């Protein structure tokens, strides 16, 4: 990977490496560790002073830029393709996007590129990866939201000057509709051998969101 690395993301047996020039694909289940494919960043893409971040799930990779996020089709990880590079909003302080697995993107954003004014967490509808401007609502955080991660259905936000903010971005699920869960196991070679990697791909869906999944062996 020739240029400076900005961010890393692992999705199943694949490592995605974001640099200033391209998004690289590194298979973790290949005999040799190294770049197997890449796609150049689109013309006009701009990283912010906080750097850009990459997130991948369910065959789509999301890369934040100064004014929104870019989507890539990585269903075939050896042939990634651009889906949408349109600006997501009129904001200029995008930093990170993570998905809850049920059609929501939780985004650390702001309204300026300097990061010193209105900052918080935006919710976006990410049901269609071809559309990246389907804004839902904003949650203002006590400090400047620099990064976000999800755990047990809650968002944990790293806020500049104000530490950690825990955000309940969805109401509790009262519909009593059970989730659906399936999984596939790859690289078994007819059996599971000691000292070998075993990748389990879990496909979990819920009408609101999946809080967590526990696998029992």
N, C-alpha and C. Protein backbone atom coordinates (compact mmCIF):
# COMPACT_ATOMS: atom_id res chain seq x y z
N UNK A 1 0.87 -1.18 0.00
CA UNK A 1 0.00 0.00 0.00
C UNK A 1 0.90 1.22 0.00
N UNK A 2 0.92 1.92 -1.12
CA UNK A 2 1.96 2.91 -1.37
C UNK A 2 1.81 4.19 -0.56
N UNK A 3 0.59 4.63 -0.28
CA UNK A 3 0.41 5.92 0.37
C UNK A 3 0.13 5.76 1.86
N UNK A 4 0.10 6.87 2.58
CA UNK A 4 -0.07 6.85 4.03
C UNK A 4 -1.44 6.28 4.42
N UNK A 5 -1.44 5.36 5.38
CA UNK A 5 -2.68 4.74 5.84
C UNK A 5 -3.42 5.68 6.78
N UNK A 6 -4.75 5.83 6.55
CA UNK A 6 -5.58 6.69 7.37
C UNK A 6 -6.38 5.88 8.38
N UNK A 7 -6.96 4.75 7.93
CA UNK A 7 -7.83 3.98 8.82
C UNK A 7 -7.89 2.53 8.35
N UNK A 8 -8.30 1.64 9.29
CA UNK A 8 -8.45 0.22 9.03
C UNK A 8 -9.82 -0.25 9.49
N UNK A 9 -10.36 -1.28 8.83
CA UNK A 9 -11.63 -1.86 9.23
C UNK A 9 -11.62 -3.34 8.85
N UNK A 10 -12.09 -4.19 9.76
CA UNK A 10 -12.20 -5.63 9.48
C UNK A 10 -13.67 -6.00 9.37
N UNK A 11 -14.03 -6.68 8.28
CA UNK A 11 -15.37 -7.22 8.10
C UNK A 11 -15.23 -8.68 7.70
N UNK A 12 -15.52 -9.57 8.65
CA UNK A 12 -15.34 -11.00 8.38
C UNK A 12 -13.89 -11.31 8.07
N UNK A 13 -13.64 -12.04 6.99
CA UNK A 13 -12.27 -12.41 6.64
C UNK A 13 -11.54 -11.38 5.79
N UNK A 14 -11.96 -10.11 5.86
CA UNK A 14 -11.40 -9.08 4.99
C UNK A 14 -10.97 -7.86 5.80
N UNK A 15 -9.77 -7.38 5.52
CA UNK A 15 -9.27 -6.14 6.08
C UNK A 15 -9.34 -5.06 5.01
N UNK A 16 -9.99 -3.95 5.34
CA UNK A 16 -10.06 -2.81 4.43
C UNK A 16 -9.12 -1.72 4.93
N UNK A 17 -8.28 -1.23 4.04
CA UNK A 17 -7.27 -0.24 4.40
C UNK A 17 -7.54 1.03 3.60
N UNK A 18 -7.79 2.13 4.31
CA UNK A 18 -8.04 3.42 3.67
C UNK A 18 -6.76 4.26 3.70
N UNK A 19 -6.34 4.74 2.55
CA UNK A 19 -5.20 5.63 2.47
C UNK A 19 -5.64 6.90 1.75
N UNK A 20 -4.71 7.82 1.57
CA UNK A 20 -5.05 9.07 0.89
C UNK A 20 -5.35 8.86 -0.58
N UNK A 21 -4.94 7.74 -1.15
CA UNK A 21 -5.11 7.52 -2.57
C UNK A 21 -6.16 6.48 -2.92
N UNK A 22 -6.41 5.51 -2.04
CA UNK A 22 -7.25 4.39 -2.44
C UNK A 22 -7.82 3.65 -1.23
N UNK A 23 -8.78 2.76 -1.52
CA UNK A 23 -9.31 1.82 -0.55
C UNK A 23 -8.81 0.44 -0.96
N UNK A 24 -8.01 -0.18 -0.09
CA UNK A 24 -7.38 -1.46 -0.41
C UNK A 24 -8.10 -2.60 0.29
N UNK A 25 -8.09 -3.77 -0.37
CA UNK A 25 -8.70 -4.98 0.16
C UNK A 25 -7.60 -5.99 0.46
N UNK A 26 -7.54 -6.44 1.72
CA UNK A 26 -6.54 -7.41 2.15
C UNK A 26 -7.26 -8.63 2.72
N UNK A 27 -7.36 -9.75 2.00
CA UNK A 27 -8.02 -10.94 2.51
C UNK A 27 -7.23 -11.54 3.68
N UNK A 28 -7.91 -11.80 4.78
CA UNK A 28 -7.25 -12.40 5.93
C UNK A 28 -7.22 -13.92 5.85
N UNK A 29 -7.98 -14.48 4.89
CA UNK A 29 -8.02 -15.93 4.73
C UNK A 29 -7.19 -16.40 3.55
N UNK A 30 -6.37 -15.51 2.99
CA UNK A 30 -5.51 -15.89 1.87
C UNK A 30 -4.20 -16.49 2.38
N UNK A 31 -3.55 -17.34 1.59
CA UNK A 31 -2.27 -17.94 2.01
C UNK A 31 -1.20 -16.90 2.30
N UNK A 32 -1.22 -15.79 1.54
CA UNK A 32 -0.22 -14.73 1.70
C UNK A 32 -0.93 -13.44 2.09
N UNK A 33 -0.43 -12.79 3.14
CA UNK A 33 -1.03 -11.53 3.60
C UNK A 33 -0.57 -10.40 2.69
N UNK A 34 -1.54 -9.67 2.11
CA UNK A 34 -1.19 -8.55 1.25
C UNK A 34 -2.40 -8.04 0.50
N UNK A 35 -2.22 -6.93 -0.18
CA UNK A 35 -3.29 -6.31 -0.94
C UNK A 35 -3.69 -7.18 -2.12
N UNK A 36 -4.99 -7.51 -2.21
CA UNK A 36 -5.49 -8.33 -3.31
C UNK A 36 -6.25 -7.51 -4.33
N UNK A 37 -6.77 -6.35 -3.92
CA UNK A 37 -7.51 -5.48 -4.84
C UNK A 37 -7.57 -4.09 -4.22
N UNK A 38 -7.89 -3.11 -5.04
CA UNK A 38 -8.05 -1.75 -4.54
C UNK A 38 -8.92 -0.96 -5.51
N UNK A 39 -9.44 0.14 -5.00
CA UNK A 39 -10.15 1.10 -5.84
C UNK A 39 -9.67 2.49 -5.46
N UNK A 40 -9.31 3.29 -6.45
CA UNK A 40 -8.82 4.64 -6.20
C UNK A 40 -9.93 5.52 -5.64
N UNK A 41 -9.57 6.43 -4.78
CA UNK A 41 -10.55 7.37 -4.26
C UNK A 41 -11.07 8.24 -5.40
N UNK A 42 -12.35 8.57 -5.38
CA UNK A 42 -12.94 9.33 -6.50
C UNK A 42 -12.37 10.74 -6.59
N UNK A 43 -12.44 11.29 -7.77
CA UNK A 43 -11.96 12.64 -8.01
C UNK A 43 -12.71 13.64 -7.13
N UNK A 44 -11.99 14.51 -6.47
CA UNK A 44 -12.61 15.54 -5.65
C UNK A 44 -12.86 15.13 -4.21
N UNK A 45 -12.50 13.88 -3.85
CA UNK A 45 -12.73 13.47 -2.47
C UNK A 45 -11.79 14.24 -1.55
N UNK A 46 -12.27 14.56 -0.36
CA UNK A 46 -11.47 15.38 0.54
C UNK A 46 -11.61 14.85 1.97
N UNK A 47 -10.48 14.56 2.59
CA UNK A 47 -10.49 14.16 3.98
C UNK A 47 -10.46 15.41 4.86
N UNK A 48 -11.04 15.30 6.05
CA UNK A 48 -11.07 16.44 6.95
C UNK A 48 -9.80 16.48 7.79
N UNK A 49 -9.69 17.52 8.61
CA UNK A 49 -8.54 17.64 9.49
C UNK A 49 -8.53 16.54 10.55
N UNK A 50 -9.69 15.87 10.74
CA UNK A 50 -9.77 14.78 11.71
C UNK A 50 -9.50 13.44 11.05
N UNK A 51 -9.13 13.45 9.79
CA UNK A 51 -8.93 12.25 8.98
C UNK A 51 -10.29 11.63 8.66
N UNK A 52 -10.27 10.72 7.68
CA UNK A 52 -11.47 10.00 7.30
C UNK A 52 -11.46 8.62 7.91
N UNK A 53 -12.61 7.97 7.94
CA UNK A 53 -12.74 6.64 8.52
C UNK A 53 -13.41 5.72 7.52
N UNK A 54 -13.16 4.41 7.64
CA UNK A 54 -13.79 3.41 6.78
C UNK A 54 -14.57 2.43 7.67
N UNK A 55 -15.74 2.04 7.17
CA UNK A 55 -16.58 1.05 7.86
C UNK A 55 -17.15 0.13 6.78
N UNK A 56 -17.17 -1.17 7.04
CA UNK A 56 -17.68 -2.13 6.06
C UNK A 56 -18.59 -3.13 6.73
N UNK A 57 -19.68 -3.47 6.03
CA UNK A 57 -20.63 -4.47 6.54
C UNK A 57 -21.58 -4.85 5.42
N UNK A 58 -21.94 -6.12 5.37
CA UNK A 58 -22.99 -6.62 4.47
C UNK A 58 -22.75 -6.23 3.02
N UNK A 59 -21.51 -6.30 2.58
CA UNK A 59 -21.21 -6.08 1.18
C UNK A 59 -21.06 -4.63 0.76
N UNK A 60 -21.05 -3.70 1.72
CA UNK A 60 -20.89 -2.28 1.41
C UNK A 60 -19.82 -1.68 2.31
N UNK A 61 -18.96 -0.85 1.73
CA UNK A 61 -17.96 -0.11 2.49
C UNK A 61 -18.33 1.37 2.48
N UNK A 62 -18.16 2.02 3.63
CA UNK A 62 -18.51 3.42 3.81
C UNK A 62 -17.25 4.20 4.20
N UNK A 63 -16.96 5.26 3.47
CA UNK A 63 -15.79 6.08 3.75
C UNK A 63 -16.25 7.52 3.96
N UNK A 64 -15.95 8.08 5.13
CA UNK A 64 -16.34 9.47 5.37
C UNK A 64 -15.38 10.42 4.68
N UNK A 65 -15.94 11.51 4.19
CA UNK A 65 -15.14 12.61 3.67
C UNK A 65 -15.63 13.88 4.34
N UNK A 66 -15.04 15.00 3.98
CA UNK A 66 -15.31 16.24 4.69
C UNK A 66 -16.79 16.61 4.69
N UNK A 67 -17.51 16.27 3.61
CA UNK A 67 -18.90 16.70 3.48
C UNK A 67 -19.89 15.55 3.42
N UNK A 68 -19.52 14.39 3.93
CA UNK A 68 -20.46 13.28 3.92
C UNK A 68 -19.74 11.95 3.88
N UNK A 69 -20.35 10.98 3.20
CA UNK A 69 -19.71 9.68 3.09
C UNK A 69 -19.88 9.10 1.69
N UNK A 70 -18.92 8.27 1.32
CA UNK A 70 -18.87 7.59 0.04
C UNK A 70 -19.22 6.13 0.27
N UNK A 71 -19.95 5.51 -0.67
CA UNK A 71 -20.27 4.09 -0.54
C UNK A 71 -19.66 3.30 -1.70
N UNK A 72 -19.19 2.09 -1.35
CA UNK A 72 -18.60 1.17 -2.32
C UNK A 72 -19.28 -0.19 -2.21
N UNK A 73 -19.47 -0.82 -3.35
CA UNK A 73 -19.97 -2.19 -3.38
C UNK A 73 -18.77 -3.12 -3.27
N UNK A 74 -18.71 -3.88 -2.16
CA UNK A 74 -17.61 -4.83 -1.95
C UNK A 74 -18.17 -6.25 -1.82
N UNK A 75 -19.35 -6.47 -2.45
CA UNK A 75 -19.90 -7.82 -2.46
C UNK A 75 -18.90 -8.81 -3.02
N UNK A 76 -18.26 -8.42 -4.12
CA UNK A 76 -17.09 -9.13 -4.63
C UNK A 76 -15.88 -8.33 -4.17
N UNK A 77 -15.25 -8.81 -3.12
CA UNK A 77 -14.19 -8.00 -2.50
C UNK A 77 -12.98 -7.84 -3.40
N UNK A 78 -12.85 -8.68 -4.41
CA UNK A 78 -11.72 -8.56 -5.33
C UNK A 78 -12.01 -7.61 -6.48
N UNK A 79 -13.24 -7.05 -6.51
CA UNK A 79 -13.60 -6.09 -7.55
C UNK A 79 -14.50 -5.01 -6.97
N UNK A 80 -14.01 -4.19 -6.04
CA UNK A 80 -14.84 -3.14 -5.44
C UNK A 80 -15.24 -2.09 -6.47
N UNK A 81 -16.46 -1.58 -6.35
CA UNK A 81 -16.96 -0.56 -7.28
C UNK A 81 -17.60 0.58 -6.50
N UNK A 82 -17.55 1.78 -7.08
CA UNK A 82 -18.14 2.97 -6.45
C UNK A 82 -19.65 2.96 -6.63
N UNK A 83 -20.37 3.23 -5.53
CA UNK A 83 -21.82 3.33 -5.58
C UNK A 83 -22.28 4.78 -5.60
N UNK A 84 -21.78 5.60 -4.65
CA UNK A 84 -22.24 6.99 -4.57
C UNK A 84 -21.16 7.85 -3.95
N UNK A 85 -20.87 8.95 -4.58
CA UNK A 85 -19.89 9.92 -4.07
C UNK A 85 -20.51 11.28 -3.85
N UNK A 86 -21.83 11.37 -3.84
CA UNK A 86 -22.48 12.66 -3.66
C UNK A 86 -22.30 13.14 -2.23
N UNK A 87 -22.27 14.47 -2.04
CA UNK A 87 -22.21 15.03 -0.70
C UNK A 87 -23.48 14.67 0.06
N UNK A 88 -23.32 14.25 1.31
CA UNK A 88 -24.47 13.81 2.10
C UNK A 88 -25.28 14.98 2.64
N UNK A 89 -24.64 16.12 2.84
CA UNK A 89 -25.35 17.25 3.43
C UNK A 89 -24.56 18.51 3.18
N UNK A 90 -25.05 19.62 3.72
CA UNK A 90 -24.32 20.87 3.62
C UNK A 90 -23.32 21.05 4.73
N UNK A 91 -23.14 20.00 5.55
CA UNK A 91 -22.20 20.09 6.67
C UNK A 91 -20.77 19.88 6.19
N UNK A 92 -19.80 20.34 6.99
CA UNK A 92 -18.40 20.23 6.62
C UNK A 92 -17.55 19.65 7.74
N UNK A 93 -18.16 18.90 8.65
CA UNK A 93 -17.40 18.38 9.77
C UNK A 93 -17.56 16.89 9.97
N UNK A 94 -17.74 16.13 8.89
CA UNK A 94 -17.94 14.69 9.00
C UNK A 94 -16.66 14.00 9.47
N UNK A 95 -16.83 13.01 10.35
CA UNK A 95 -15.68 12.29 10.88
C UNK A 95 -15.84 10.78 10.76
N UNK A 96 -17.01 10.23 11.12
CA UNK A 96 -17.15 8.78 11.15
C UNK A 96 -18.61 8.38 10.97
N UNK A 97 -18.81 7.19 10.38
CA UNK A 97 -20.14 6.57 10.30
C UNK A 97 -20.01 5.11 10.69
N UNK A 98 -20.94 4.63 11.53
CA UNK A 98 -21.06 3.21 11.85
C UNK A 98 -22.52 2.84 11.66
N UNK A 99 -22.79 1.57 11.35
CA UNK A 99 -24.14 1.10 11.08
C UNK A 99 -24.63 0.19 12.20
N UNK A 100 -25.95 0.24 12.45
CA UNK A 100 -26.52 -0.61 13.50
C UNK A 100 -27.02 -1.94 12.95
N UNK A 101 -26.91 -2.18 11.65
CA UNK A 101 -27.32 -3.44 11.06
C UNK A 101 -28.79 -3.52 10.72
N UNK A 102 -29.56 -2.48 11.03
CA UNK A 102 -30.99 -2.47 10.73
C UNK A 102 -31.38 -1.22 9.95
N UNK A 103 -30.45 -0.72 9.15
CA UNK A 103 -30.78 0.38 8.26
C UNK A 103 -30.47 1.76 8.77
N UNK A 104 -29.75 1.88 9.90
CA UNK A 104 -29.41 3.20 10.43
C UNK A 104 -27.91 3.41 10.40
N UNK A 105 -27.50 4.61 9.99
CA UNK A 105 -26.12 5.03 10.10
C UNK A 105 -26.00 6.04 11.22
N UNK A 106 -25.10 5.79 12.16
CA UNK A 106 -24.86 6.70 13.30
C UNK A 106 -23.58 7.45 12.99
N UNK A 107 -23.66 8.77 12.85
CA UNK A 107 -22.58 9.56 12.26
C UNK A 107 -22.09 10.63 13.22
N UNK A 108 -20.78 10.72 13.38
CA UNK A 108 -20.17 11.84 14.10
C UNK A 108 -19.93 12.95 13.09
N UNK A 109 -20.64 14.07 13.26
CA UNK A 109 -20.62 15.13 12.25
C UNK A 109 -20.51 16.49 12.93
N UNK A 110 -20.53 17.54 12.10
CA UNK A 110 -20.54 18.91 12.58
C UNK A 110 -20.97 19.81 11.44
N UNK A 111 -21.06 21.10 11.71
CA UNK A 111 -21.48 22.00 10.64
C UNK A 111 -20.35 22.87 10.12
N UNK A 112 -19.12 22.65 10.62
CA UNK A 112 -17.97 23.38 10.09
C UNK A 112 -16.80 22.43 9.99
N UNK A 113 -15.86 22.75 9.13
CA UNK A 113 -14.68 21.91 8.97
C UNK A 113 -13.67 22.13 10.09
N UNK A 114 -13.83 23.21 10.86
CA UNK A 114 -12.87 23.49 11.93
C UNK A 114 -13.21 22.74 13.21
N UNK A 115 -14.46 22.24 13.33
CA UNK A 115 -14.83 21.44 14.48
C UNK A 115 -15.02 22.22 15.76
N UNK A 116 -15.30 23.51 15.67
CA UNK A 116 -15.40 24.30 16.89
C UNK A 116 -16.81 24.85 17.12
N UNK A 117 -17.79 24.39 16.32
CA UNK A 117 -19.15 24.87 16.52
C UNK A 117 -20.07 23.67 16.74
N UNK A 118 -21.32 23.80 16.31
CA UNK A 118 -22.34 22.78 16.57
C UNK A 118 -21.86 21.40 16.12
N UNK A 119 -21.70 20.48 17.06
CA UNK A 119 -21.21 19.14 16.76
C UNK A 119 -22.11 18.13 17.45
N UNK A 120 -22.30 16.98 16.83
CA UNK A 120 -23.13 15.97 17.47
C UNK A 120 -23.18 14.70 16.66
N UNK A 121 -24.24 13.91 16.90
CA UNK A 121 -24.46 12.64 16.22
C UNK A 121 -25.70 12.77 15.34
N UNK A 122 -25.54 12.46 14.07
CA UNK A 122 -26.66 12.44 13.14
C UNK A 122 -27.07 11.00 12.86
N UNK A 123 -28.37 10.79 12.65
CA UNK A 123 -28.88 9.51 12.17
C UNK A 123 -29.23 9.64 10.71
N UNK A 124 -28.78 8.64 9.91
CA UNK A 124 -29.11 8.58 8.49
C UNK A 124 -29.73 7.23 8.16
N UNK A 125 -30.67 7.25 7.24
CA UNK A 125 -31.24 6.01 6.72
C UNK A 125 -30.27 5.44 5.69
N UNK A 126 -29.68 4.27 5.99
CA UNK A 126 -28.69 3.66 5.11
C UNK A 126 -29.24 2.40 4.44
N UNK A 127 -30.57 2.29 4.37
CA UNK A 127 -31.18 1.10 3.79
C UNK A 127 -30.72 0.87 2.36
N UNK A 128 -30.61 1.94 1.58
CA UNK A 128 -30.15 1.86 0.19
C UNK A 128 -28.75 2.47 0.11
N UNK A 129 -27.72 1.66 -0.12
CA UNK A 129 -26.36 2.21 -0.17
C UNK A 129 -26.11 3.13 -1.36
N UNK A 130 -27.05 3.18 -2.32
CA UNK A 130 -26.92 4.13 -3.43
C UNK A 130 -27.33 5.54 -3.01
N UNK A 131 -28.00 5.66 -1.86
CA UNK A 131 -28.49 6.96 -1.37
C UNK A 131 -27.76 7.29 -0.08
N UNK A 132 -27.06 8.44 -0.04
CA UNK A 132 -26.30 8.78 1.16
C UNK A 132 -26.67 10.15 1.74
N UNK A 133 -27.89 10.61 1.44
CA UNK A 133 -28.32 11.91 1.99
C UNK A 133 -29.68 11.82 2.66
N UNK A 134 -30.04 10.62 3.13
CA UNK A 134 -31.36 10.44 3.75
C UNK A 134 -31.26 10.72 5.26
N UNK A 135 -31.23 11.99 5.58
CA UNK A 135 -31.06 12.46 6.96
C UNK A 135 -32.33 12.22 7.79
N UNK A 136 -32.16 11.81 9.07
CA UNK A 136 -33.30 11.57 9.95
C UNK A 136 -33.36 12.60 11.07
N UNK A 137 -32.32 12.68 11.92
CA UNK A 137 -32.34 13.59 13.06
C UNK A 137 -30.93 13.81 13.58
N UNK A 138 -30.81 14.75 14.52
CA UNK A 138 -29.52 15.08 15.14
C UNK A 138 -29.63 15.04 16.65
N UNK A 139 -28.59 14.50 17.30
CA UNK A 139 -28.46 14.55 18.74
C UNK A 139 -27.23 15.40 19.07
N UNK A 140 -27.43 16.51 19.76
CA UNK A 140 -26.32 17.38 20.12
C UNK A 140 -25.59 16.78 21.32
N UNK A 141 -24.27 16.66 21.23
CA UNK A 141 -23.47 16.10 22.31
C UNK A 141 -22.85 17.23 23.14
N UNK A 142 -22.50 16.94 24.40
CA UNK A 142 -21.92 17.99 25.26
C UNK A 142 -20.63 18.58 24.70
N UNK A 143 -19.82 17.77 24.03
CA UNK A 143 -18.59 18.25 23.43
C UNK A 143 -18.58 17.96 21.94
N UNK A 144 -17.45 18.17 21.32
CA UNK A 144 -17.30 17.93 19.89
C UNK A 144 -17.18 16.42 19.66
N UNK A 145 -18.15 15.82 18.97
CA UNK A 145 -18.15 14.38 18.72
C UNK A 145 -17.07 14.05 17.70
N UNK A 146 -16.05 13.32 18.13
CA UNK A 146 -14.94 12.97 17.25
C UNK A 146 -15.03 11.54 16.73
N UNK A 147 -15.61 10.62 17.52
CA UNK A 147 -15.68 9.21 17.12
C UNK A 147 -16.87 8.57 17.81
N UNK A 148 -17.37 7.45 17.22
CA UNK A 148 -18.53 6.77 17.78
C UNK A 148 -18.39 5.28 17.53
N UNK A 149 -18.88 4.48 18.49
CA UNK A 149 -18.97 3.04 18.33
C UNK A 149 -20.26 2.57 18.98
N UNK A 150 -20.73 1.39 18.57
CA UNK A 150 -21.98 0.84 19.08
C UNK A 150 -21.71 -0.38 19.94
N UNK A 151 -22.50 -0.52 21.02
CA UNK A 151 -22.40 -1.69 21.89
C UNK A 151 -23.73 -1.87 22.61
N UNK A 152 -24.32 -3.06 22.49
CA UNK A 152 -25.58 -3.38 23.15
C UNK A 152 -26.68 -2.36 22.83
N UNK A 153 -26.73 -1.92 21.59
CA UNK A 153 -27.80 -1.03 21.17
C UNK A 153 -27.65 0.41 21.58
N UNK A 154 -26.51 0.79 22.14
CA UNK A 154 -26.25 2.17 22.53
C UNK A 154 -25.04 2.69 21.77
N UNK A 155 -24.98 4.00 21.59
CA UNK A 155 -23.85 4.64 20.93
C UNK A 155 -22.93 5.25 22.00
N UNK A 156 -21.65 4.95 21.88
CA UNK A 156 -20.64 5.52 22.78
C UNK A 156 -19.82 6.52 21.98
N UNK A 157 -19.92 7.78 22.39
CA UNK A 157 -19.38 8.88 21.62
C UNK A 157 -18.19 9.49 22.35
N UNK A 158 -17.07 9.57 21.65
CA UNK A 158 -15.89 10.26 22.18
C UNK A 158 -16.03 11.74 21.86
N UNK A 159 -16.21 12.56 22.89
CA UNK A 159 -16.46 13.99 22.71
C UNK A 159 -15.24 14.79 23.15
N UNK A 160 -14.73 15.59 22.24
CA UNK A 160 -13.57 16.41 22.52
C UNK A 160 -13.88 17.38 23.66
N UNK A 161 -13.00 17.43 24.66
CA UNK A 161 -13.12 18.25 25.86
C UNK A 161 -14.13 17.73 26.88
N UNK A 162 -15.04 16.83 26.49
CA UNK A 162 -16.10 16.39 27.40
C UNK A 162 -16.08 14.90 27.67
N UNK A 163 -15.10 14.17 27.18
CA UNK A 163 -14.99 12.75 27.49
C UNK A 163 -16.00 11.89 26.75
N UNK A 164 -16.57 10.90 27.45
CA UNK A 164 -17.44 9.90 26.84
C UNK A 164 -18.90 10.25 27.06
N UNK A 165 -19.69 10.18 25.98
CA UNK A 165 -21.13 10.37 26.04
C UNK A 165 -21.80 9.07 25.60
N UNK A 166 -22.76 8.57 26.40
CA UNK A 166 -23.52 7.37 26.05
C UNK A 166 -24.88 7.83 25.54
N UNK A 167 -25.22 7.42 24.33
CA UNK A 167 -26.40 7.94 23.64
C UNK A 167 -27.37 6.81 23.32
N UNK A 168 -28.62 6.94 23.77
CA UNK A 168 -29.69 6.02 23.39
C UNK A 168 -30.41 6.66 22.20
N UNK A 169 -30.03 6.26 21.00
CA UNK A 169 -30.51 6.93 19.79
C UNK A 169 -31.82 6.35 19.25
N UNK A 170 -32.33 5.26 19.87
CA UNK A 170 -33.60 4.67 19.46
C UNK A 170 -34.45 4.36 20.70
N UNK A 171 -35.77 4.46 20.59
CA UNK A 171 -36.63 4.04 21.72
C UNK A 171 -36.56 2.53 21.88
N UNK A 172 -36.91 2.05 23.07
CA UNK A 172 -36.89 0.61 23.34
C UNK A 172 -37.88 -0.12 22.44
N UNK A 173 -37.51 -1.34 22.08
CA UNK A 173 -38.32 -2.17 21.19
C UNK A 173 -39.48 -2.78 21.98
N UNK A 174 -40.70 -2.35 21.65
CA UNK A 174 -41.89 -2.85 22.34
C UNK A 174 -42.83 -3.60 21.38
N UNK A 175 -42.35 -3.91 20.17
CA UNK A 175 -43.23 -4.52 19.16
C UNK A 175 -43.35 -6.04 19.32
N UNK A 176 -42.43 -6.64 20.07
CA UNK A 176 -42.47 -8.09 20.33
C UNK A 176 -42.37 -8.91 19.05
N UNK A 177 -41.64 -8.40 18.08
CA UNK A 177 -41.38 -9.15 16.85
C UNK A 177 -40.00 -9.79 16.97
N UNK A 178 -39.90 -11.11 16.95
CA UNK A 178 -38.60 -11.76 17.17
C UNK A 178 -37.65 -11.53 16.00
N UNK A 179 -36.37 -11.50 16.27
CA UNK A 179 -35.38 -11.35 15.19
C UNK A 179 -35.20 -12.67 14.44
N UNK A 180 -34.53 -12.59 13.32
CA UNK A 180 -34.15 -13.78 12.56
C UNK A 180 -32.63 -13.83 12.49
N UNK A 181 -32.08 -15.02 12.69
CA UNK A 181 -30.63 -15.19 12.73
C UNK A 181 -30.24 -16.44 11.97
N UNK A 182 -29.24 -16.32 11.11
CA UNK A 182 -28.65 -17.47 10.44
C UNK A 182 -27.15 -17.24 10.36
N UNK A 183 -26.40 -18.30 10.12
CA UNK A 183 -24.96 -18.13 9.99
C UNK A 183 -24.38 -19.18 9.07
N UNK A 184 -23.26 -18.84 8.48
CA UNK A 184 -22.51 -19.75 7.64
C UNK A 184 -21.07 -19.80 8.14
N UNK A 185 -20.47 -20.95 7.98
CA UNK A 185 -19.09 -21.16 8.41
C UNK A 185 -18.25 -21.43 7.17
N UNK A 186 -17.16 -20.69 7.02
CA UNK A 186 -16.29 -20.84 5.86
C UNK A 186 -14.94 -21.40 6.28
N UNK A 187 -14.21 -21.84 5.28
CA UNK A 187 -12.84 -22.34 5.49
C UNK A 187 -12.78 -23.56 6.40
N UNK A 188 -13.80 -24.41 6.34
CA UNK A 188 -13.75 -25.61 7.18
C UNK A 188 -12.97 -26.73 6.50
N UNK A 189 -12.96 -26.75 5.15
CA UNK A 189 -12.24 -27.80 4.44
C UNK A 189 -12.76 -29.18 4.77
N UNK A 190 -14.06 -29.31 5.04
CA UNK A 190 -14.63 -30.59 5.41
C UNK A 190 -14.56 -30.87 6.90
N UNK A 191 -13.94 -30.00 7.65
CA UNK A 191 -13.83 -30.18 9.09
C UNK A 191 -13.12 -29.00 9.71
N UNK A 192 -13.11 -28.93 11.02
CA UNK A 192 -12.46 -27.85 11.73
C UNK A 192 -11.19 -28.40 12.37
N UNK A 193 -10.05 -27.85 11.98
CA UNK A 193 -8.76 -28.32 12.47
C UNK A 193 -8.19 -27.33 13.47
N UNK A 194 -7.39 -27.82 14.40
CA UNK A 194 -6.76 -26.93 15.38
C UNK A 194 -5.73 -26.04 14.70
N UNK A 195 -5.54 -24.86 15.29
CA UNK A 195 -4.54 -23.89 14.80
C UNK A 195 -4.86 -23.35 13.41
N UNK A 196 -6.13 -23.38 13.04
CA UNK A 196 -6.55 -22.77 11.78
C UNK A 196 -7.64 -21.74 12.06
N UNK A 197 -7.70 -20.72 11.18
CA UNK A 197 -8.73 -19.70 11.32
C UNK A 197 -10.08 -20.27 10.90
N UNK A 198 -11.11 -19.89 11.64
CA UNK A 198 -12.48 -20.29 11.32
C UNK A 198 -13.34 -19.03 11.30
N UNK A 199 -13.93 -18.71 10.16
CA UNK A 199 -14.74 -17.51 10.01
C UNK A 199 -16.22 -17.87 10.03
N UNK A 200 -16.95 -17.26 10.96
CA UNK A 200 -18.38 -17.47 11.10
C UNK A 200 -19.09 -16.18 10.68
N UNK A 201 -19.90 -16.26 9.65
CA UNK A 201 -20.63 -15.11 9.14
C UNK A 201 -22.06 -15.15 9.67
N UNK A 202 -22.41 -14.20 10.54
CA UNK A 202 -23.73 -14.16 11.17
C UNK A 202 -24.61 -13.15 10.44
N UNK A 203 -25.80 -13.58 10.07
CA UNK A 203 -26.78 -12.72 9.39
C UNK A 203 -27.97 -12.56 10.32
N UNK A 204 -28.02 -11.45 11.05
CA UNK A 204 -29.07 -11.20 12.04
C UNK A 204 -29.89 -9.99 11.63
N UNK A 205 -31.21 -10.11 11.71
CA UNK A 205 -32.11 -9.02 11.33
C UNK A 205 -33.20 -8.84 12.39
N UNK A 206 -33.61 -7.57 12.58
CA UNK A 206 -34.69 -7.25 13.49
C UNK A 206 -35.42 -6.03 12.95
N UNK A 207 -36.69 -5.87 13.35
CA UNK A 207 -37.47 -4.74 12.84
C UNK A 207 -36.99 -3.41 13.42
N UNK A 208 -36.33 -3.43 14.58
CA UNK A 208 -35.78 -2.21 15.18
C UNK A 208 -34.26 -2.22 15.08
N UNK A 209 -33.61 -3.09 15.83
CA UNK A 209 -32.18 -3.30 15.68
C UNK A 209 -31.76 -4.51 16.50
N UNK A 210 -30.65 -5.10 16.13
CA UNK A 210 -30.09 -6.23 16.86
C UNK A 210 -29.14 -5.69 17.92
N UNK A 211 -29.40 -6.00 19.18
CA UNK A 211 -28.55 -5.51 20.26
C UNK A 211 -27.23 -6.27 20.31
N UNK A 212 -27.31 -7.59 20.33
CA UNK A 212 -26.11 -8.42 20.29
C UNK A 212 -26.46 -9.82 19.84
N UNK A 213 -25.44 -10.57 19.48
CA UNK A 213 -25.61 -11.97 19.07
C UNK A 213 -24.58 -12.80 19.84
N UNK A 214 -25.03 -13.90 20.44
CA UNK A 214 -24.15 -14.80 21.16
C UNK A 214 -24.09 -16.14 20.46
N UNK A 215 -22.90 -16.59 20.14
CA UNK A 215 -22.72 -17.90 19.51
C UNK A 215 -22.26 -18.89 20.57
N UNK A 216 -22.96 -20.01 20.68
CA UNK A 216 -22.62 -21.05 21.63
C UNK A 216 -22.03 -22.24 20.87
N UNK A 217 -20.83 -22.64 21.26
CA UNK A 217 -20.17 -23.77 20.61
C UNK A 217 -20.34 -25.00 21.50
